[in-house]
């Protein structure tokens, strides 16, 4: 019986020491994820480009009668930009219409004669062919009369008057330069390593003159520049758009939130962060974390991340939050 008492005392002593050890809390400070996490942003030089920068040319040969627009003028689709002398084209149209009338009359007469077998089938077919040719000539001459006026194919800005009033222009000779104001995209050259992160981007913006324009990714070039080793990305405006020809910055925001690199801790050859759960330290491993770099995490906003004291705690240590 005397032997059991020392053993019982030793057991009670060990139990008390264990309880005391469990009750020894480590003082720490914490921050919520919402307080310290952020969405990393990257940027690159970018420019706005019009999808239509058109050199409008004469489609008939004639002299220029008037150019009612000036450089910097904004025009709507269908507005007249250049008027050409149309006397010759109009005369050709009138002549072709007369030829058409004659061809129709001759064919009608030939059909009557053919019923009486007074003309050959070959002559009738020739007159039918002449009618088709005359109709085509009227269509062509009508188009040429329409081409006496060069109109805007889209809403845009006149950026250059290449010819002047009184000049003779041949078919295909440029007259006016017009830039589309409505179909505008953003172009940027990005290094190859940036393209891996584009899939995780939650937002694109074009920033110019303190104005921010939201964008969406339209396309990525598969061909890299031989010298700079960059590739082109094209983005479309999702709301208001900037004017073509502007230089600014393309800014994109990662969809994944990051904690500052200072929160990173290594335990048992794993990198991660310590959080508080039920007044105990819990180690959350972050497999792709790298020392000295921000930590990508998928944690709720109200999770408590251990800040001061994180180097002193281990998994399941009791902690005391101090303010």
Protein backbone atom coordinates (compact mmCIF):
# COMPACT_ATOMS: atom_id res chain seq x y z
CA UNK A 1 0.00 0.00 0.00
CA UNK A 2 2.94 2.29 0.84
CA UNK A 3 4.39 1.63 -2.66
CA UNK A 4 1.21 2.80 -4.40
CA UNK A 5 1.17 6.23 -2.76
CA UNK A 6 4.39 7.51 -4.43
CA UNK A 7 3.16 6.24 -7.79
CA UNK A 8 -0.17 7.99 -7.34
CA UNK A 9 1.62 11.22 -6.36
CA UNK A 10 3.87 10.98 -9.41
CA UNK A 11 0.86 10.45 -11.69
CA UNK A 12 -0.96 13.46 -10.27
CA UNK A 13 2.19 15.60 -10.65
CA UNK A 14 2.60 14.65 -14.32
CA UNK A 15 -1.10 15.32 -14.99
CA UNK A 16 -0.91 18.75 -13.35
CA UNK A 17 2.17 19.67 -15.39
CA UNK A 18 0.42 18.57 -18.58
CA UNK A 19 -2.63 20.65 -17.77
CA UNK A 20 -0.43 23.62 -16.96
CA UNK A 21 1.40 23.16 -20.28
CA UNK A 22 -1.92 23.02 -22.17
CA UNK A 23 -3.11 26.11 -20.38
CA UNK A 24 0.02 28.08 -21.32
CA UNK A 25 -1.28 30.15 -24.21
CA UNK A 26 0.97 31.92 -26.67
CA UNK A 27 0.21 35.59 -27.10
CA UNK A 28 -0.44 36.55 -30.72
CA UNK A 29 -1.94 39.32 -32.80
CA UNK A 30 -4.21 38.62 -35.75
CA UNK A 31 -5.76 40.26 -38.78
CA UNK A 32 -8.75 39.14 -40.78
CA UNK A 33 -8.14 38.05 -44.36
CA UNK A 34 -10.28 40.95 -45.52
CA UNK A 35 -7.98 43.41 -43.73
CA UNK A 36 -4.68 42.27 -45.23
CA UNK A 37 -5.46 40.41 -48.46
CA UNK A 38 -5.32 42.20 -51.79
CA UNK A 39 -5.73 41.54 -55.51
CA UNK A 40 -2.40 42.03 -57.31
CA UNK A 41 -2.39 44.29 -60.35
CA UNK A 42 -0.10 44.27 -63.36
CA UNK A 43 0.18 46.78 -66.16
CA UNK A 44 1.71 47.32 -69.59
CA UNK A 45 1.75 50.12 -72.17
CA UNK A 46 -1.27 50.00 -74.49
CA UNK A 47 -2.81 51.94 -77.36
CA UNK A 48 -6.27 52.25 -78.85
CA UNK A 49 -6.62 51.26 -82.48
CA UNK A 50 -9.51 51.78 -84.87
CA UNK A 51 -10.52 48.63 -86.71
CA UNK A 52 -11.21 50.72 -89.81
CA UNK A 53 -8.67 53.28 -90.96
CA UNK A 54 -9.88 53.59 -94.53
CA UNK A 55 -8.34 55.29 -97.52
CA UNK A 56 -11.35 56.14 -99.69
CA UNK A 57 -10.64 56.22 -103.41
CA UNK A 58 -12.41 57.36 -106.55
CA UNK A 59 -14.25 54.51 -108.26
CA UNK A 60 -14.62 56.35 -111.55
CA UNK A 61 -12.29 58.72 -113.35
CA UNK A 62 -13.44 62.31 -113.25
CA UNK A 63 -12.60 65.72 -111.81
CA UNK A 64 -13.38 66.69 -108.22
CA UNK A 65 -16.26 69.16 -107.95
CA UNK A 66 -16.31 69.57 -104.16
CA UNK A 67 -14.98 68.17 -100.89
CA UNK A 68 -17.46 69.34 -98.26
CA UNK A 69 -15.45 67.95 -95.31
CA UNK A 70 -12.27 69.10 -93.61
CA UNK A 71 -9.65 67.36 -91.52
CA UNK A 72 -10.90 66.69 -87.92
CA UNK A 73 -14.54 66.73 -89.10
CA UNK A 74 -16.71 63.96 -87.66
CA UNK A 75 -19.10 62.46 -90.22
CA UNK A 76 -21.91 59.96 -90.00
CA UNK A 77 -22.40 56.90 -92.17
CA UNK A 78 -23.75 57.98 -95.55
CA UNK A 79 -22.52 61.58 -95.38
CA UNK A 80 -21.04 62.93 -98.63
CA UNK A 81 -17.26 63.30 -98.47
CA UNK A 82 -16.40 64.02 -102.12
CA UNK A 83 -18.41 64.94 -105.21
CA UNK A 84 -17.07 64.17 -108.68
CA UNK A 85 -18.15 65.66 -111.98
CA UNK A 86 -20.97 63.38 -113.07
CA UNK A 87 -21.76 64.69 -116.57
CA UNK A 88 -19.91 61.91 -118.37
CA UNK A 89 -21.32 59.13 -116.16
CA UNK A 90 -24.84 60.52 -116.53
CA UNK A 91 -24.51 60.66 -120.31
CA UNK A 92 -23.37 57.04 -120.42
CA UNK A 93 -26.34 56.04 -118.28
CA UNK A 94 -28.79 57.83 -120.58
CA UNK A 95 -27.17 56.19 -123.62
CA UNK A 96 -27.39 52.74 -122.05
CA UNK A 97 -31.05 53.30 -121.17
CA UNK A 98 -31.73 54.21 -124.81
CA UNK A 99 -29.93 51.08 -125.96
CA UNK A 100 -32.03 49.05 -123.53
CA UNK A 101 -35.27 50.50 -124.93
CA UNK A 102 -34.16 49.70 -128.47
CA UNK A 103 -33.17 46.14 -127.50
CA UNK A 104 -36.54 45.55 -125.87
CA UNK A 105 -38.39 46.83 -128.96
CA UNK A 106 -36.30 44.74 -131.36
CA UNK A 107 -36.83 41.59 -129.31
CA UNK A 108 -40.59 42.05 -129.10
CA UNK A 109 -40.77 42.56 -132.89
CA UNK A 110 -38.53 39.56 -133.53
CA UNK A 111 -40.77 37.31 -131.41
CA UNK A 112 -43.75 38.22 -133.59
CA UNK A 113 -41.76 37.57 -136.76
CA UNK A 114 -40.56 34.27 -135.40
CA UNK A 115 -44.12 33.08 -134.94
CA UNK A 116 -44.55 33.54 -138.68
CA UNK A 117 -41.21 31.86 -139.27
CA UNK A 118 -39.94 35.05 -140.89
CA UNK A 119 -36.64 35.15 -138.98
CA UNK A 120 -34.22 32.49 -137.88
CA UNK A 121 -33.91 31.07 -134.37
CA UNK A 122 -30.31 32.26 -134.34
CA UNK A 123 -31.30 35.89 -134.88
CA UNK A 124 -33.90 35.66 -132.14
CA UNK A 125 -31.30 34.32 -129.69
CA UNK A 126 -28.90 37.12 -130.66
CA UNK A 127 -31.55 39.74 -129.92
CA UNK A 128 -32.25 38.08 -126.56
CA UNK A 129 -28.54 38.26 -125.80
CA UNK A 130 -28.42 41.92 -126.83
CA UNK A 131 -31.20 42.67 -124.36
CA UNK A 132 -29.27 41.07 -121.50
CA UNK A 133 -26.17 43.08 -122.43
CA UNK A 134 -28.21 46.30 -122.55
CA UNK A 135 -29.70 45.60 -119.12
CA UNK A 136 -26.23 44.99 -117.67
CA UNK A 137 -24.98 48.23 -119.22
CA UNK A 138 -27.80 50.16 -117.52
CA UNK A 139 -26.93 48.59 -114.15
CA UNK A 140 -23.24 49.43 -114.54
CA UNK A 141 -23.91 52.99 -115.63
CA UNK A 142 -26.35 53.47 -112.74
CA UNK A 143 -23.67 52.35 -110.29
CA UNK A 144 -21.15 54.72 -111.88
CA UNK A 145 -23.54 57.64 -111.41
CA UNK A 146 -23.87 56.67 -107.75
CA UNK A 147 -20.08 56.61 -107.54
CA UNK A 148 -19.95 60.28 -108.46
CA UNK A 149 -20.47 60.83 -104.73
CA UNK A 150 -18.04 59.25 -102.26
CA UNK A 151 -19.91 58.71 -98.98
CA UNK A 152 -18.76 57.71 -95.52
CA UNK A 153 -19.01 53.92 -95.02
CA UNK A 154 -19.13 54.41 -91.22
CA UNK A 155 -19.17 57.11 -88.57
CA UNK A 156 -15.68 58.47 -88.36
CA UNK A 157 -13.24 61.34 -88.37
CA UNK A 158 -11.63 62.77 -91.48
CA UNK A 159 -7.88 62.57 -90.88
CA UNK A 160 -6.59 63.54 -94.34
CA UNK A 161 -7.71 65.19 -97.57
CA UNK A 162 -5.44 63.61 -100.13
CA UNK A 163 -6.83 65.37 -103.24
CA UNK A 164 -8.18 68.87 -103.85
CA UNK A 165 -11.12 70.41 -105.67
CA UNK A 166 -10.50 70.68 -109.41
CA UNK A 167 -8.03 67.80 -109.59
CA UNK A 168 -8.54 64.95 -112.03
CA UNK A 169 -8.59 61.57 -110.32
CA UNK A 170 -8.36 58.18 -111.91
CA UNK A 171 -10.22 55.10 -110.78
CA UNK A 172 -8.62 53.78 -107.59
CA UNK A 173 -6.83 57.03 -106.75
CA UNK A 174 -7.08 57.96 -103.00
CA UNK A 175 -9.03 61.05 -102.06
CA UNK A 176 -9.88 61.04 -98.33
CA UNK A 177 -8.69 59.20 -95.20
CA UNK A 178 -11.40 58.27 -92.68
CA UNK A 179 -10.94 56.65 -89.24
CA UNK A 180 -13.78 54.67 -87.65
CA UNK A 181 -14.71 56.10 -84.24
CA UNK A 182 -17.05 53.33 -83.12
CA UNK A 183 -15.06 50.14 -83.70
CA UNK A 184 -12.05 50.62 -81.43
CA UNK A 185 -9.88 48.05 -79.66
CA UNK A 186 -6.98 48.16 -77.22
CA UNK A 187 -3.67 46.62 -78.24
CA UNK A 188 -0.82 45.72 -75.88
CA UNK A 189 2.40 43.74 -76.14
CA UNK A 190 2.92 41.38 -73.19
CA UNK A 191 5.88 39.12 -72.32
CA UNK A 192 5.32 35.39 -72.66
CA UNK A 193 5.32 34.78 -68.90
CA UNK A 194 2.33 37.09 -68.46
CA UNK A 195 0.06 34.94 -70.62
CA UNK A 196 -0.09 32.11 -68.09
CA UNK A 197 -1.78 34.47 -65.63
CA UNK A 198 -4.36 35.87 -68.03
CA UNK A 199 -6.74 32.99 -67.30
CA UNK A 200 -6.87 34.08 -63.65
CA UNK A 201 -7.58 37.73 -64.41
CA UNK A 202 -10.85 39.07 -63.02
CA UNK A 203 -10.72 42.54 -64.58
CA UNK A 204 -9.05 44.46 -67.39
CA UNK A 205 -8.96 48.26 -67.64
CA UNK A 206 -7.48 50.78 -70.04
CA UNK A 207 -6.32 53.87 -68.17
CA UNK A 208 -5.58 57.14 -69.95
CA UNK A 209 -5.64 60.73 -68.67
CA UNK A 210 -7.00 59.59 -65.26
CA UNK A 211 -9.94 57.88 -66.95
CA UNK A 212 -10.55 54.15 -66.58
CA UNK A 213 -12.32 52.10 -69.26
CA UNK A 214 -13.36 48.49 -68.52
CA UNK A 215 -12.33 45.90 -71.10
CA UNK A 216 -12.75 42.25 -71.99
CA UNK A 217 -10.13 40.05 -73.62
CA UNK A 218 -10.89 39.38 -77.29
CA UNK A 219 -7.84 37.58 -78.59
CA UNK A 220 -4.24 36.62 -77.97
CA UNK A 221 -1.67 36.30 -80.74
CA UNK A 222 0.10 32.98 -80.99
CA UNK A 223 3.05 34.60 -82.78
CA UNK A 224 5.77 36.17 -80.63
CA UNK A 225 7.89 39.10 -81.75
CA UNK A 226 11.33 37.80 -82.74
CA UNK A 227 13.18 40.62 -80.99
CA UNK A 228 11.14 41.55 -77.91
CA UNK A 229 9.67 38.06 -77.40
CA UNK A 230 6.31 39.63 -76.64
CA UNK A 231 2.90 38.74 -78.00
CA UNK A 232 -0.03 40.98 -78.83
CA UNK A 233 -3.31 40.95 -76.96
CA UNK A 234 -6.47 42.65 -78.23
CA UNK A 235 -9.23 43.80 -75.90
CA UNK A 236 -12.68 45.25 -76.46
CA UNK A 237 -14.42 48.01 -74.52
CA UNK A 238 -17.40 46.80 -72.49
CA UNK A 239 -18.92 50.21 -71.79
CA UNK A 240 -17.73 53.65 -72.79
CA UNK A 241 -14.73 53.59 -75.09
CA UNK A 242 -11.68 55.75 -75.58
CA UNK A 243 -10.96 57.43 -78.90
CA UNK A 244 -8.58 55.71 -81.34
CA UNK A 245 -4.92 56.67 -81.28
CA UNK A 246 -4.62 57.16 -77.52
CA UNK A 247 -1.70 55.82 -75.48
CA UNK A 248 -2.23 54.63 -71.92
CA UNK A 249 -1.81 51.63 -69.64
CA UNK A 250 -3.49 48.25 -69.71
CA UNK A 251 -4.12 47.20 -66.11
CA UNK A 252 -5.30 43.76 -65.14
CA UNK A 253 -6.28 42.42 -61.74
CA UNK A 254 -5.74 38.86 -60.53
CA UNK A 255 -8.91 36.99 -59.57
CA UNK A 256 -7.09 35.31 -56.71
CA UNK A 257 -6.46 37.16 -53.45
CA UNK A 258 -2.98 37.30 -51.94
CA UNK A 259 -1.56 37.79 -48.47
CA UNK A 260 1.68 39.74 -47.97
CA UNK A 261 4.80 37.60 -48.13
CA UNK A 262 5.58 38.34 -44.46
CA UNK A 263 2.79 35.96 -43.35
CA UNK A 264 4.50 32.94 -44.93
CA UNK A 265 5.76 30.29 -42.47
CA UNK A 266 7.55 26.98 -43.07
CA UNK A 267 6.64 23.91 -41.05
CA UNK A 268 7.76 20.35 -41.82
CA UNK A 269 9.08 21.34 -45.26
CA UNK A 270 5.77 22.96 -46.18
CA UNK A 271 5.00 26.62 -46.71
CA UNK A 272 1.76 28.05 -45.43
CA UNK A 273 0.09 30.42 -42.99
CA UNK A 274 -1.19 30.10 -39.43
CA UNK A 275 -4.80 30.91 -38.65
CA UNK A 276 -6.83 30.77 -35.46
CA UNK A 277 -9.56 28.17 -35.00
CA UNK A 278 -11.21 27.56 -31.62
CA UNK A 279 -8.42 29.47 -29.83
CA UNK A 280 -5.77 27.22 -31.33
CA UNK A 281 -3.23 27.72 -34.08
CA UNK A 282 -3.94 25.87 -37.31
CA UNK A 283 -1.41 25.57 -40.12
CA UNK A 284 -2.88 26.04 -43.62
CA UNK A 285 -0.48 24.73 -46.25
CA UNK A 286 -0.13 26.68 -49.50
CA UNK A 287 1.48 24.26 -52.00
CA UNK A 288 2.49 26.82 -54.63
CA UNK A 289 3.83 29.43 -52.17
CA UNK A 290 7.36 30.75 -52.60
CA UNK A 291 9.46 32.46 -49.97
CA UNK A 292 9.56 36.22 -50.39
CA UNK A 293 6.55 36.33 -52.70
CA UNK A 294 2.86 37.13 -51.99
CA UNK A 295 0.77 34.17 -50.90
CA UNK A 296 -2.21 33.15 -52.99
CA UNK A 297 -5.01 31.99 -50.70
CA UNK A 298 -8.65 30.93 -50.91
CA UNK A 299 -9.80 31.87 -47.41
CA UNK A 300 -13.00 33.52 -46.20
CA UNK A 301 -12.93 37.21 -45.31
CA UNK A 302 -13.40 36.65 -41.56
CA UNK A 303 -10.63 34.05 -41.11
CA UNK A 304 -8.10 35.23 -38.50
CA UNK A 305 -4.53 35.10 -39.78
CA UNK A 306 -1.78 35.11 -37.16
CA UNK A 307 0.57 38.07 -37.54
CA UNK A 308 2.77 38.72 -34.51
CA UNK A 309 3.77 35.49 -32.83
CA UNK A 310 3.45 33.37 -35.97
CA UNK A 311 7.07 32.22 -35.70
CA UNK A 312 6.48 30.92 -32.16
CA UNK A 313 3.40 28.79 -32.72
CA UNK A 314 3.00 25.27 -33.99
CA UNK A 315 0.00 23.24 -35.08
CA UNK A 316 -2.71 23.07 -32.39
CA UNK A 317 -0.92 25.40 -29.92
CA UNK A 318 -3.36 27.29 -27.67
CA UNK A 319 -3.19 31.00 -28.39
CA UNK A 320 -4.28 34.22 -26.75
CA UNK A 321 -5.22 37.09 -29.04
CA UNK A 322 -3.92 40.44 -27.83
CA UNK A 323 -4.90 43.76 -29.27
